[in-house]
Amino acid sequence: MKLLLVTAGSRGDVEPFVTVARRAAAAGHDVRLAIPDRSGVDTTGIDVRSLEADFSALIESQGVSPLAAMRNLREVVRPVMRAVIVNAAHSALEFRPDVIAWHPKVLSAPLAADALGIPHVLVELVPAMTPTREFPAAGTVARSLGPLNRLTYRAGAAAAGMFRREVDEAAGVLGVPRARRSSPPAATLLPISPEILPRPADWPESAVLTGVWRASAPSTGDATADAAAPSAAAPDAAAATTPAATPDPALAAFLAGGPFAYAGFGSMAAGDPAARGRALVAAARARGIRLLAATGVGGIAVPDDVRGDDVFVTRSVDHPAVLPRAVAAVHHGGIGTVQAATAAGTVSIVVPFIADQPFWGAMLHHRGLAPAPIPHRRLTADRLADALAAAPEHRSAVDAAAARMAEEDGAAKALDVLERLAARPRSDALRHP
């Protein structure tokens, strides 16, 4: 098949698509990947088309505050979204794939698929688009609303309405009218492990909870050994694209020096990162363990006056090389890090900031896989030390989940869906002339 994968956002939004692109290419398919610039993901050997949008620059300039994004919608956010929406249409028209798999931010993907007479597949990295009564859309409300949970899924459609003008421009690129509604996805893929999120009973059959997307099929050997080498490398990645890398000598020496906790908040540049750094160091010392801090894009800052031989500070780490050795992973609760830590058999301590992070913190705690989350505004050394003390209580549940996750092959399930849809005849009525 000819497969177009198009995504938008930060590294965590790109990583899963790169994973499937590599698996599809290895299976002999003709694959093109349309992605933002400076994602930080290795795309060597993949046919890539730039969307001419830089979400890293957006985060660096605006931080992660939704209010800041709304204040700067016209000057900053809208130009980035326009680049994604319009250039995705150009990518589809140039490549003329048999099927398109798209991120929810790529609002022109369904329109492009209809113009070409092909099916399209929504890749729902977090459960925020497919309604269910069992929980609210991730990133909306903090607690279940019972029967009203389904109403929270309308928020995504409302957000998409803000960029109607850009979608109309994409329609002009495709040479089709914008008046009619686009077709619904032929399928929805969620690259999430059922160990993290059990499948709701009221989801339609077209919603496929695939499991973690890995660069290669699971080993047929010992599941526990597989679980100790998960495929997840990025702060917000839903799955990995590369095996564990050998750490630099200084980091390798630190890893071998005794028990440590890992801490990383990725791009969560909100509040006081130095205060978070002090709290992390103090909590680790209170528990008699060392601290490996990944500063990310402003998520953590460790002041010089609290550093010592028991603290190792770096910008980022390779999760498969580090997480299996950590006694706990303190992180912001992005689904990528949630799955990477759980697959590594490492207990998470979630410090949520925005969006879907409170959802995952609550979900892990509800399933017995983590202590109660600590909202970033309430993070103190004492609260974190208490969570570190409670982490061993969850280790057996995490180990069991890791063993089952090691046998998942979410990327293979995703490819199977895409291959079956691509094999369907194109609609001559919808095909672009």
Protein backbone atom coordinates (compact mmCIF):
# COMPACT_ATOMS: atom_id res chain seq x y z
CA MET A 1 0.00 0.00 0.00
CA LYS A 2 0.88 3.66 -0.25
CA LEU A 3 0.53 4.99 3.28
CA LEU A 4 0.55 8.64 4.30
CA LEU A 5 1.11 9.29 7.99
CA VAL A 6 0.62 12.91 9.04
CA THR A 7 0.97 14.30 12.54
CA ALA A 8 1.39 17.57 14.40
CA GLY A 9 2.64 18.60 17.82
CA SER A 10 5.72 17.92 19.92
CA ARG A 11 7.99 14.90 20.01
CA GLY A 12 5.41 12.70 21.67
CA ASP A 13 2.99 13.36 18.82
CA VAL A 14 5.60 12.39 16.23
CA GLU A 15 7.25 9.35 17.81
CA PRO A 16 4.35 6.88 17.37
CA PHE A 17 3.96 7.80 13.70
CA VAL A 18 7.67 7.25 13.09
CA THR A 19 7.36 3.85 14.74
CA VAL A 20 4.58 2.74 12.40
CA ALA A 21 6.32 4.30 9.40
CA ARG A 22 9.36 2.13 10.05
CA ARG A 23 7.28 -1.01 10.58
CA ALA A 24 5.27 -0.35 7.42
CA ALA A 25 8.39 0.30 5.34
CA ALA A 26 9.98 -2.88 6.70
CA ALA A 27 6.86 -4.76 5.55
CA GLY A 28 7.42 -3.49 2.01
CA HIS A 29 4.92 -0.64 1.88
CA ASP A 30 5.49 2.74 0.25
CA VAL A 31 5.36 5.15 3.19
CA ARG A 32 5.52 8.92 3.47
CA LEU A 33 5.61 10.77 6.79
CA ALA A 34 4.47 14.41 7.02
CA ILE A 35 5.63 15.96 10.30
CA PRO A 36 6.56 19.27 11.95
CA ASP A 37 10.12 20.56 11.96
CA ARG A 38 12.53 20.01 14.86
CA SER A 39 10.53 17.19 16.43
CA GLY A 40 13.66 15.64 17.92
CA VAL A 41 12.78 12.22 16.51
CA ASP A 42 15.23 10.27 14.36
CA THR A 43 13.63 9.85 10.91
CA THR A 44 16.71 8.50 9.13
CA GLY A 45 15.74 6.35 6.17
CA ILE A 46 12.10 7.49 6.10
CA ASP A 47 10.49 9.49 3.28
CA VAL A 48 9.64 12.69 5.16
CA ARG A 49 7.68 15.75 4.08
CA SER A 50 7.94 18.84 6.26
CA LEU A 51 4.72 20.53 7.31
CA GLU A 52 6.76 23.74 7.76
CA ALA A 53 5.51 24.11 11.32
CA ASP A 54 7.68 24.28 14.44
CA PHE A 55 5.88 23.24 17.61
CA SER A 56 9.14 23.22 19.57
CA ALA A 57 9.50 26.95 18.93
CA LEU A 58 5.87 27.42 19.94
CA ILE A 59 6.49 25.72 23.28
CA GLU A 60 9.73 27.59 23.84
CA SER A 61 8.05 30.94 23.26
CA GLN A 62 4.65 30.31 24.88
CA GLY A 63 5.31 27.62 27.46
CA VAL A 64 2.50 25.15 28.07
CA SER A 65 -0.17 27.52 29.36
CA PRO A 66 -3.52 27.20 27.53
CA LEU A 67 -4.26 30.82 28.49
CA ALA A 68 -1.07 31.99 26.80
CA ALA A 69 -2.05 30.03 23.70
CA MET A 70 -5.46 31.69 23.58
CA ARG A 71 -3.98 35.16 24.10
CA ASN A 72 -1.64 34.57 21.18
CA LEU A 73 -4.01 32.60 18.98
CA ARG A 74 -3.88 34.98 16.02
CA GLU A 75 -0.19 35.89 16.07
CA VAL A 76 1.43 32.61 17.12
CA VAL A 77 -0.88 29.59 17.19
CA ARG A 78 -2.93 30.21 14.05
CA PRO A 79 0.09 30.46 11.67
CA VAL A 80 1.43 27.14 12.99
CA MET A 81 -1.93 25.42 12.59
CA ARG A 82 -2.38 26.91 9.13
CA ALA A 83 0.96 25.40 8.08
CA VAL A 84 -0.12 21.99 9.35
CA ILE A 85 -3.60 22.06 7.82
CA VAL A 86 -2.62 23.42 4.41
CA ASN A 87 0.63 21.52 3.96
CA ALA A 88 -1.02 18.26 4.96
CA ALA A 89 -3.41 18.78 2.04
CA HIS A 90 -0.46 19.41 -0.27
CA SER A 91 1.22 16.23 1.01
CA ALA A 92 -1.85 14.11 0.29
CA LEU A 93 -2.27 15.58 -3.18
CA GLU A 94 1.38 15.03 -4.08
CA PHE A 95 1.67 11.49 -2.70
CA ARG A 96 -1.83 10.20 -3.54
CA PRO A 97 -1.83 7.42 -0.94
CA ASP A 98 -4.19 4.49 -0.57
CA VAL A 99 -4.92 5.42 3.05
CA ILE A 100 -4.16 8.34 5.39
CA ALA A 101 -3.48 7.97 9.11
CA TRP A 102 -3.70 11.28 10.91
CA HIS A 103 -3.28 13.09 14.21
CA PRO A 104 -6.37 14.96 15.54
CA LYS A 105 -4.62 18.32 14.96
CA VAL A 106 -4.43 17.64 11.22
CA LEU A 107 -7.92 18.91 10.52
CA SER A 108 -7.60 18.70 6.73
CA ALA A 109 -6.83 14.97 6.62
CA PRO A 110 -10.46 13.76 6.33
CA LEU A 111 -11.10 16.35 3.60
CA ALA A 112 -8.01 15.21 1.69
CA ALA A 113 -9.03 11.56 1.98
CA ASP A 114 -12.50 12.32 0.66
CA ALA A 115 -11.03 14.31 -2.23
CA LEU A 116 -8.85 11.33 -3.18
CA GLY A 117 -11.59 8.77 -2.60
CA ILE A 118 -9.61 6.86 0.04
CA PRO A 119 -10.21 5.83 3.66
CA HIS A 120 -8.68 7.74 6.55
CA VAL A 121 -7.76 6.55 10.03
CA LEU A 122 -7.67 8.71 13.14
CA VAL A 123 -4.74 8.04 15.47
CA GLU A 124 -6.05 8.97 18.90
CA LEU A 125 -2.95 9.20 21.08
CA VAL A 126 -5.08 9.95 24.14
CA PRO A 127 -8.77 9.08 24.63
CA ALA A 128 -10.30 12.45 23.82
CA MET A 129 -12.21 11.91 20.56
CA THR A 130 -14.16 8.63 20.83
CA PRO A 131 -17.04 9.14 23.30
CA THR A 132 -17.72 6.78 26.17
CA ARG A 133 -19.82 6.83 29.32
CA GLU A 134 -16.99 5.27 31.32
CA PHE A 135 -14.74 8.33 31.63
CA PRO A 136 -14.61 11.96 30.44
CA ALA A 137 -12.47 13.01 27.51
CA ALA A 138 -8.85 13.19 28.65
CA GLY A 139 -7.87 16.79 29.25
CA THR A 140 -11.38 18.10 29.99
CA VAL A 141 -12.65 17.58 33.55
CA ALA A 142 -10.85 16.01 36.48
CA ARG A 143 -13.60 13.66 37.67
CA SER A 144 -16.12 11.36 36.09
CA LEU A 145 -19.48 12.90 35.27
CA GLY A 146 -21.23 9.57 34.95
CA PRO A 147 -23.81 9.58 32.13
CA LEU A 148 -22.64 13.07 31.12
CA ASN A 149 -19.11 11.90 30.32
CA ARG A 150 -19.99 11.57 26.65
CA LEU A 151 -20.73 15.29 26.43
CA THR A 152 -17.11 16.15 27.24
CA TYR A 153 -16.01 14.72 23.90
CA ARG A 154 -17.63 17.63 22.11
CA ALA A 155 -14.75 19.85 23.22
CA GLY A 156 -12.53 18.54 20.43
CA ALA A 157 -15.02 19.45 17.73
CA ALA A 158 -15.43 22.91 19.23
CA ALA A 159 -11.67 23.47 19.17
CA ALA A 160 -11.50 22.37 15.54
CA GLY A 161 -14.09 25.00 14.66
CA MET A 162 -11.57 27.73 15.47
CA PHE A 163 -9.60 26.82 12.34
CA ARG A 164 -12.39 26.62 9.78
CA ARG A 165 -10.75 29.31 7.66
CA GLU A 166 -7.56 27.24 7.40
CA VAL A 167 -9.55 24.13 6.49
CA ASP A 168 -11.31 26.13 3.78
CA GLU A 169 -7.90 27.06 2.39
CA ALA A 170 -6.93 23.39 2.36
CA ALA A 171 -10.13 22.64 0.44
CA GLY A 172 -8.97 25.14 -2.18
CA VAL A 173 -5.66 23.31 -2.46
CA LEU A 174 -7.55 20.05 -2.98
CA GLY A 175 -9.98 21.60 -5.44
CA VAL A 176 -13.08 20.55 -3.53
CA PRO A 177 -15.90 22.51 -1.86
CA ARG A 178 -15.89 22.85 1.91
CA ALA A 179 -19.66 23.00 2.36
CA ARG A 180 -20.32 19.34 3.06
CA ARG A 181 -19.11 17.46 6.11
CA SER A 182 -16.10 15.19 5.79
CA SER A 183 -16.54 11.46 6.17
CA PRO A 184 -15.94 9.89 9.60
CA PRO A 185 -12.77 7.85 10.12
CA ALA A 186 -12.91 4.33 8.74
CA ALA A 187 -11.15 3.31 11.96
CA THR A 188 -9.62 4.86 15.05
CA LEU A 189 -6.33 3.55 16.38
CA LEU A 190 -5.30 4.12 19.98
CA PRO A 191 -1.65 3.13 20.63
CA ILE A 192 -2.35 2.53 24.31
CA SER A 193 -1.89 -0.63 26.35
CA PRO A 194 -5.03 -2.16 27.89
CA GLU A 195 -2.88 -2.54 31.00
CA ILE A 196 -3.04 1.26 31.28
CA LEU A 197 -6.52 1.86 29.84
CA PRO A 198 -9.08 -0.97 29.70
CA ARG A 199 -11.23 -0.76 26.57
CA PRO A 200 -14.64 0.83 27.27
CA ALA A 201 -17.56 -1.49 26.57
CA ASP A 202 -19.44 1.19 24.62
CA TRP A 203 -16.72 2.01 22.09
CA PRO A 204 -17.61 1.12 18.49
CA GLU A 205 -15.84 -1.80 16.81
CA SER A 206 -13.96 0.67 14.63
CA ALA A 207 -12.05 1.94 17.70
CA VAL A 208 -9.03 -0.31 18.11
CA LEU A 209 -7.01 -0.23 21.33
CA THR A 210 -3.87 -1.67 19.77
CA GLY A 211 -1.41 -1.73 22.64
CA VAL A 212 2.00 -0.06 22.66
CA TRP A 213 3.58 0.70 19.27
CA ARG A 214 7.10 -0.72 19.18
CA ALA A 215 9.82 -0.60 16.56
CA SER A 216 9.93 -4.39 16.35
CA ALA A 217 7.76 -7.33 17.25
CA PRO A 218 7.98 -8.63 20.84
CA SER A 219 10.58 -11.27 21.54
CA THR A 220 9.33 -14.82 21.96
CA GLY A 221 11.68 -15.25 24.91
CA ASP A 222 11.16 -14.48 28.56
CA ALA A 223 8.47 -11.83 29.02
CA THR A 224 10.12 -10.40 32.11
CA ALA A 225 13.35 -9.84 30.22
CA ASP A 226 11.40 -8.13 27.46
CA ALA A 227 9.69 -5.90 29.98
CA ALA A 228 13.05 -4.71 31.22
CA ALA A 229 13.87 -3.36 27.78
CA PRO A 230 10.78 -1.44 26.66
CA SER A 231 10.65 0.58 23.51
CA ALA A 232 9.97 4.14 24.59
CA ALA A 233 12.53 6.91 24.39
CA ALA A 234 10.88 10.29 24.39
CA PRO A 235 9.40 12.41 27.18
CA ASP A 236 5.93 12.29 25.61
CA ALA A 237 6.31 9.44 23.17
CA ALA A 238 3.52 6.91 22.92
CA ALA A 239 5.99 4.30 21.76
CA ALA A 240 9.59 3.95 20.80
CA THR A 241 11.42 3.81 17.53
CA THR A 242 14.88 2.75 18.68
CA PRO A 243 16.31 0.20 21.08
CA ALA A 244 18.04 1.26 24.27
CA ALA A 245 21.14 3.33 23.62
CA THR A 246 24.37 2.94 25.54
CA PRO A 247 24.53 5.87 27.99
CA ASP A 248 27.55 8.17 28.12
CA PRO A 249 30.27 7.01 30.53
CA ALA A 250 29.42 9.52 33.26
CA LEU A 251 25.74 8.54 33.21
CA ALA A 252 26.62 4.85 33.04
CA ALA A 253 28.75 5.23 36.16
CA PHE A 254 25.90 6.98 37.95
CA LEU A 255 23.41 4.28 36.99
CA ALA A 256 25.73 1.63 38.42
CA GLY A 257 26.26 3.50 41.69
CA GLY A 258 23.19 2.36 43.63
CA PRO A 259 19.46 3.08 43.96
CA PHE A 260 18.18 6.23 42.30
CA ALA A 261 14.92 7.90 41.32
CA TYR A 262 14.46 9.31 37.84
CA ALA A 263 12.74 12.69 37.40
CA GLY A 264 11.78 14.36 34.14
CA PHE A 265 9.00 16.78 33.21
CA GLY A 266 9.85 17.22 29.53
CA SER A 267 8.64 20.53 28.13
CA MET A 268 6.49 21.46 31.13
CA ALA A 269 8.05 24.93 31.49
CA ALA A 270 5.50 26.26 33.96
CA GLY A 271 5.81 27.64 37.46
CA ASP A 272 9.23 27.58 39.16
CA PRO A 273 11.48 24.83 37.74
CA ALA A 274 14.21 25.60 40.32
CA ALA A 275 11.78 25.08 43.18
CA ARG A 276 10.82 21.73 41.63
CA GLY A 277 14.49 20.83 41.39
CA ARG A 278 15.05 21.62 45.06
CA ALA A 279 12.01 19.57 46.07
CA LEU A 280 13.19 16.60 44.01
CA VAL A 281 16.68 16.62 45.51
CA ALA A 282 15.39 17.03 49.07
CA ALA A 283 12.84 14.21 48.67
CA ALA A 284 15.42 11.79 47.25
CA ARG A 285 17.85 12.59 50.06
CA ALA A 286 15.11 12.14 52.64
CA ARG A 287 14.59 8.59 51.31
CA GLY A 288 18.33 7.88 51.14
CA ILE A 289 18.45 7.48 47.36
CA ARG A 290 20.14 9.35 44.56
CA LEU A 291 18.45 11.47 41.87
CA LEU A 292 18.78 11.46 38.10
CA ALA A 293 17.15 14.67 36.82
CA ALA A 294 16.39 15.26 33.14
CA THR A 295 15.82 19.00 32.77
CA GLY A 296 14.02 18.77 29.40
CA VAL A 297 12.77 22.00 27.85
CA GLY A 298 12.55 23.94 31.10
CA GLY A 299 10.67 21.38 33.15
CA ILE A 300 13.31 21.08 35.89
CA ALA A 301 16.22 23.26 37.01
CA VAL A 302 18.62 22.00 39.69
CA PRO A 303 20.37 24.93 41.41
CA ASP A 304 24.12 24.59 41.97
CA ASP A 305 23.80 24.87 45.74
CA VAL A 306 21.85 21.58 46.02
CA ARG A 307 23.92 19.53 43.62
CA GLY A 308 26.28 16.83 44.78
CA ASP A 309 27.64 13.41 43.93
CA ASP A 310 24.18 11.96 44.60
CA VAL A 311 22.56 14.10 41.88
CA PHE A 312 23.12 13.66 38.14
CA VAL A 313 21.66 16.35 35.88
CA THR A 314 21.25 15.99 32.11
CA ARG A 315 18.93 17.38 29.45
CA SER A 316 17.39 14.07 28.43
CA VAL A 317 17.89 10.33 28.79
CA ASP A 318 17.13 7.20 26.81
CA HIS A 319 14.24 5.67 28.68
CA PRO A 320 15.02 2.00 27.90
CA ALA A 321 18.55 2.45 29.26
CA VAL A 322 17.46 4.23 32.44
CA LEU A 323 13.94 3.41 33.59
CA PRO A 324 14.40 -0.32 34.30
CA ARG A 325 17.11 0.59 36.83
CA ALA A 326 15.18 3.34 38.64
CA VAL A 327 13.34 2.69 41.90
CA ALA A 328 10.68 5.17 40.75
CA ALA A 329 10.03 7.57 37.88
CA VAL A 330 8.77 11.04 38.77
CA HIS A 331 7.22 12.58 35.66
CA HIS A 332 4.43 14.75 34.31
CA GLY A 333 2.16 11.93 33.21
CA GLY A 334 2.29 12.11 29.43
CA ILE A 335 1.06 8.82 28.00
CA GLY A 336 4.46 8.05 26.48
CA THR A 337 6.30 8.24 29.78
CA VAL A 338 3.43 6.48 31.55
CA GLN A 339 3.74 3.51 29.20
CA ALA A 340 7.54 3.57 29.13
CA ALA A 341 7.79 3.48 32.92
CA THR A 342 5.13 0.80 33.35
CA ALA A 343 6.64 -1.36 30.62
CA ALA A 344 9.99 -1.03 32.36
CA GLY A 345 8.51 -2.30 35.62
CA THR A 346 9.11 1.09 37.22
CA VAL A 347 6.54 2.70 39.51
CA SER A 348 5.43 6.14 38.34
CA ILE A 349 4.94 9.16 40.58
CA VAL A 350 2.88 11.48 38.42
CA VAL A 351 3.12 15.25 38.83
CA PRO A 352 0.55 16.44 36.28
CA PHE A 353 0.57 19.90 34.73
CA ILE A 354 -1.96 20.18 31.90
CA ALA A 355 -4.16 18.44 29.34
CA ASP A 356 -4.39 14.65 29.66
CA GLN A 357 -1.75 14.35 32.40
CA PRO A 358 -4.20 14.46 35.37
CA PHE A 359 -6.24 11.79 33.59
CA TRP A 360 -3.28 9.39 33.39
CA GLY A 361 -2.17 10.12 36.95
CA ALA A 362 -5.64 9.27 38.22
CA MET A 363 -5.88 6.20 35.96
CA LEU A 364 -2.59 4.73 37.20
CA HIS A 365 -3.59 5.28 40.82
CA HIS A 366 -7.06 3.80 40.25
CA ARG A 367 -5.48 0.67 38.73
CA GLY A 368 -3.03 0.29 41.61
CA LEU A 369 -0.02 1.08 39.45
CA ALA A 370 1.09 4.29 41.19
CA PRO A 371 0.64 6.41 44.31
CA ALA A 372 -1.87 9.25 44.13
CA PRO A 373 -0.70 11.97 41.71
CA ILE A 374 0.73 15.23 43.06
CA PRO A 375 -0.43 18.29 41.05
CA HIS A 376 2.61 20.37 40.13
CA ARG A 377 1.36 23.37 42.12
CA ARG A 378 1.26 21.19 45.26
CA LEU A 379 4.65 19.55 44.78
CA THR A 380 6.76 19.71 47.96
CA ALA A 381 9.71 17.71 49.21
CA ASP A 382 7.56 16.14 51.94
CA ARG A 383 4.76 15.06 49.57
CA LEU A 384 7.26 13.65 47.12
CA ALA A 385 9.19 11.82 49.85
CA ASP A 386 5.90 10.23 51.00
CA ALA A 387 5.17 9.12 47.43
CA LEU A 388 8.65 7.63 47.09
CA ALA A 389 8.07 5.74 50.33
CA ALA A 390 4.78 4.39 48.95
CA ALA A 391 6.19 3.36 45.56
CA PRO A 392 7.26 -0.19 46.60
CA GLU A 393 3.64 -0.99 47.47
CA HIS A 394 2.80 -0.80 43.75
CA ARG A 395 5.78 -2.70 42.37
CA SER A 396 4.16 -6.13 42.10
CA ALA A 397 1.21 -4.70 40.14
CA VAL A 398 3.58 -2.81 37.85
CA ASP A 399 5.74 -5.91 37.31
CA ALA A 400 2.67 -7.92 36.31
CA ALA A 401 1.53 -5.20 33.91
CA ALA A 402 5.03 -4.97 32.41
CA ALA A 403 5.09 -8.71 31.71
CA ARG A 404 1.80 -8.51 29.82
CA MET A 405 2.81 -5.34 27.94
CA ALA A 406 5.96 -7.10 26.75
CA GLU A 407 3.78 -9.42 24.66
CA GLU A 408 1.81 -6.63 22.94
CA ASP A 409 2.50 -5.77 19.32
CA GLY A 410 0.41 -2.68 18.81
CA ALA A 411 2.19 -1.62 15.65
CA ALA A 412 1.34 -4.95 13.99
CA LYS A 413 -2.33 -4.49 14.91
CA ALA A 414 -2.28 -0.97 13.53
CA LEU A 415 -0.68 -2.10 10.27
CA ASP A 416 -3.24 -4.87 9.90
CA VAL A 417 -6.06 -2.31 10.09
CA LEU A 418 -4.34 0.03 7.62
CA GLU A 419 -3.60 -2.79 5.15
CA ARG A 420 -7.20 -4.02 5.17
CA LEU A 421 -8.54 -0.52 4.57
CA ALA A 422 -6.01 0.22 1.81
CA ALA A 423 -7.11 -2.91 -0.02
CA ARG A 424 -10.63 -1.53 -0.50
CA PRO A 425 -11.46 -0.10 -3.94
CA ARG A 426 -11.22 3.66 -4.21
CA SER A 427 -14.39 5.69 -4.64
CA ASP A 428 -14.41 7.12 -8.16
CA ALA A 429 -17.07 9.61 -7.08
CA LEU A 430 -14.72 11.16 -4.53
CA ARG A 431 -11.38 10.78 -6.29
CA HIS A 432 -9.67 14.06 -7.08
CA PRO A 433 -9.40 14.62 -10.87
